[in-house]
Structure formats: C-alpha cells, structure tokens
Amino acid sequence: MRNAFNMNILELSEMLNTTIELSLKFIVHYGKFSQYNIGNFRKLYEKPIVEAHQMLKNDFAEQPSYALYSNSFLENSKNFEIDENRKKDPEPGVIQYFEN
C-alpha cells in the first residue's frame, strides 16, 4: 500500500510539475462505537472515535509515513487467534510504536 501510494504521488508530481509532500498516517485503535446517518453521510461517534482522533494530533506529523497502535488495540489483539493459512507477511517498511 505504501509503495502504491508513493508511486501515485510521484506520478501526480510529474504530471503537475510540482512537488507533493504527502505521507500515510495509520491510527490503529480498538473499541466499540456507534454510527448514525446524516443525509448521505455516516457519522461515527463514541469515546474510541474521539481517542483515535486525538492520536492524530501528535508531534510526529512531520515524519514520513508511520503507524500508531493504541494500547487498547495491543491489549485486545492478544485475545485473537491467528489463522496460519490466512497469515500474510506485511509489506516491508518502518512501523514504529511510540508510547509515553
């Protein structure tokens, strides 16, 4: 995904003859939430949505692509069994976990 993103940015930069400085930011969080519809839009709400949004406001915004995993996600992911037949190696890249 990251490679495809970078290739698309490069192609757009060349087409537009300008530099486009964008990177991917992944926020991985866990919790129950609800949704409601407003016209053609679906609005998500509850505490985990607010927490994930707060994770976006961090000091790492100037860094290249990264992923942040919440403690809630990490703790709850221990409870899931991995199906070895469906397991795939992730795309190589730097993924860092920062904690206070």
Protein backbone atom coordinates (compact mmCIF):
# COMPACT_ATOMS: atom_id res chain seq x y z
CA MET A 1 0.00 0.00 0.00
CA ARG A 2 2.78 2.40 0.92
CA ASN A 3 4.65 1.72 -2.32
CA ALA A 4 1.49 2.23 -4.38
CA PHE A 5 0.79 5.48 -2.52
CA ASN A 6 4.33 6.74 -3.15
CA MET A 7 4.11 5.80 -6.84
CA ASN A 8 0.82 7.70 -7.23
CA ILE A 9 2.28 10.77 -5.53
CA LEU A 10 5.32 10.60 -7.82
CA GLU A 11 3.12 10.31 -10.93
CA LEU A 12 0.96 13.25 -9.83
CA SER A 13 4.05 15.32 -9.06
CA GLU A 14 5.40 14.67 -12.55
CA MET A 15 2.03 15.36 -14.22
CA LEU A 16 1.56 18.62 -12.35
CA ASN A 17 5.24 19.57 -12.46
CA THR A 18 5.28 20.29 -8.73
CA THR A 19 6.40 18.65 -5.51
CA ILE A 20 3.65 16.99 -3.49
CA GLU A 21 4.69 16.32 0.08
CA LEU A 22 2.23 13.77 1.45
CA SER A 23 2.69 10.69 3.58
CA LEU A 24 0.49 7.96 5.05
CA LYS A 25 -0.52 8.04 8.69
CA PHE A 26 -2.22 4.98 10.19
CA ILE A 27 -4.00 5.07 13.51
CA VAL A 28 -4.91 1.61 14.84
CA HIS A 29 -7.28 1.69 17.80
CA TYR A 30 -9.82 -0.64 19.38
CA GLY A 31 -13.20 0.00 20.96
CA LYS A 32 -16.94 -0.07 20.46
CA PHE A 33 -18.55 2.78 18.59
CA SER A 34 -21.85 3.71 17.00
CA GLN A 35 -22.88 5.39 13.80
CA TYR A 36 -25.78 7.44 12.61
CA ASN A 37 -26.74 8.79 9.22
CA ILE A 38 -26.97 12.45 8.28
CA GLY A 39 -28.28 12.65 4.73
CA ASN A 40 -25.84 10.67 2.59
CA PHE A 41 -23.12 10.67 5.27
CA ARG A 42 -22.45 8.19 8.03
CA LYS A 43 -21.16 9.74 11.26
CA LEU A 44 -19.16 7.64 13.73
CA TYR A 45 -19.18 8.54 17.40
CA GLU A 46 -18.37 7.30 20.93
CA LYS A 47 -15.25 7.55 23.06
CA PRO A 48 -12.94 5.35 20.87
CA ILE A 49 -13.56 7.65 17.88
CA VAL A 50 -12.58 10.70 19.93
CA GLU A 51 -9.48 8.88 21.23
CA ALA A 52 -8.39 7.87 17.71
CA HIS A 53 -8.89 11.45 16.53
CA GLN A 54 -6.75 12.70 19.42
CA MET A 55 -3.99 10.27 18.37
CA LEU A 56 -3.87 12.10 15.03
CA LYS A 57 -2.83 15.27 16.85
CA ASN A 58 0.74 14.31 17.69
CA ASP A 59 4.30 15.57 17.33
CA PHE A 60 5.11 13.03 14.61
CA ALA A 61 3.12 14.77 11.87
CA GLU A 62 6.28 15.96 10.10
CA GLN A 63 7.68 12.43 9.96
CA PRO A 64 7.42 10.17 6.91
CA SER A 65 4.68 7.53 6.83
CA TYR A 66 4.02 5.86 10.16
CA ALA A 67 1.51 3.80 12.14
CA LEU A 68 0.41 4.37 15.71
CA TYR A 69 -1.07 1.47 17.67
CA SER A 70 -3.07 2.27 20.79
CA ASN A 71 -2.62 0.33 24.00
CA SER A 72 -6.28 -0.61 23.68
CA PHE A 73 -5.61 -2.28 20.33
CA LEU A 74 -2.43 -4.01 21.50
CA GLU A 75 -4.10 -5.38 24.64
CA ASN A 76 -7.17 -6.63 22.75
CA SER A 77 -5.19 -8.11 19.87
CA LYS A 78 -3.68 -10.62 22.31
CA ASN A 79 -7.14 -12.21 22.55
CA PHE A 80 -7.38 -13.13 18.86
CA GLU A 81 -6.08 -16.34 17.34
CA ILE A 82 -4.20 -16.08 14.05
CA ASP A 83 -5.25 -18.41 11.25
CA GLU A 84 -1.90 -19.57 9.85
CA ASN A 85 -3.50 -20.23 6.44
CA ARG A 86 -4.58 -16.59 6.11
CA LYS A 87 -1.45 -15.05 7.58
CA LYS A 88 0.47 -12.87 5.12
CA ASP A 89 3.77 -11.11 5.55
CA PRO A 90 3.29 -7.35 5.73
CA GLU A 91 4.85 -5.07 3.19
CA PRO A 92 8.35 -4.18 4.34
CA GLY A 93 8.67 -0.74 5.80
CA VAL A 94 9.28 1.10 9.01
CA ILE A 95 6.48 0.87 11.54
CA GLN A 96 7.16 2.40 14.89
CA TYR A 97 5.23 2.29 18.12
CA PHE A 98 5.60 5.28 20.40
CA GLU A 99 4.50 5.25 23.98
CA ASN A 100 4.54 7.83 26.76
